[in-house]
Amino acid sequence: MLVLSKPIILDNLWMSPPDFACARATFPVAISFFTVVVAVVIIIAAAIVVVVAIVSVIIVIVVATLVIIATIVVNAGIILTSTIIFNRSDQLHREYSHADE
């Protein structure tokens, strides 16, 4: 197992304290640029997630509305068909009951 006695910074270069002080002056710029890039990527990803969630909710609402409308139409069709059949059977019953007289 290799144990390093000095810190390795950036390009795996051994840095003496003056070099480290120089790197400290330029390194935060790189960190802040990297941080900005990561932050922008995270914000874009979060925006995409929010848009997908909103679209999913809209799709669920539309599908639920269509299911409710379809249920109402089917029930109305069943009621209408039942009414027509009942009226026709009642009419036929009256016609044939008068025919027996």
Foldseek 3Di string as FASTA:
>chain_A
DDDDPADQDDPRDGDDVVVVVVCVVVVVVVVVVVVVVVVVVVVVVVVVVVVVVVVVVVVVVVVVVVVVVVVVVVVVVVVVVVVVVVVVVVVVVVVVVVVVD
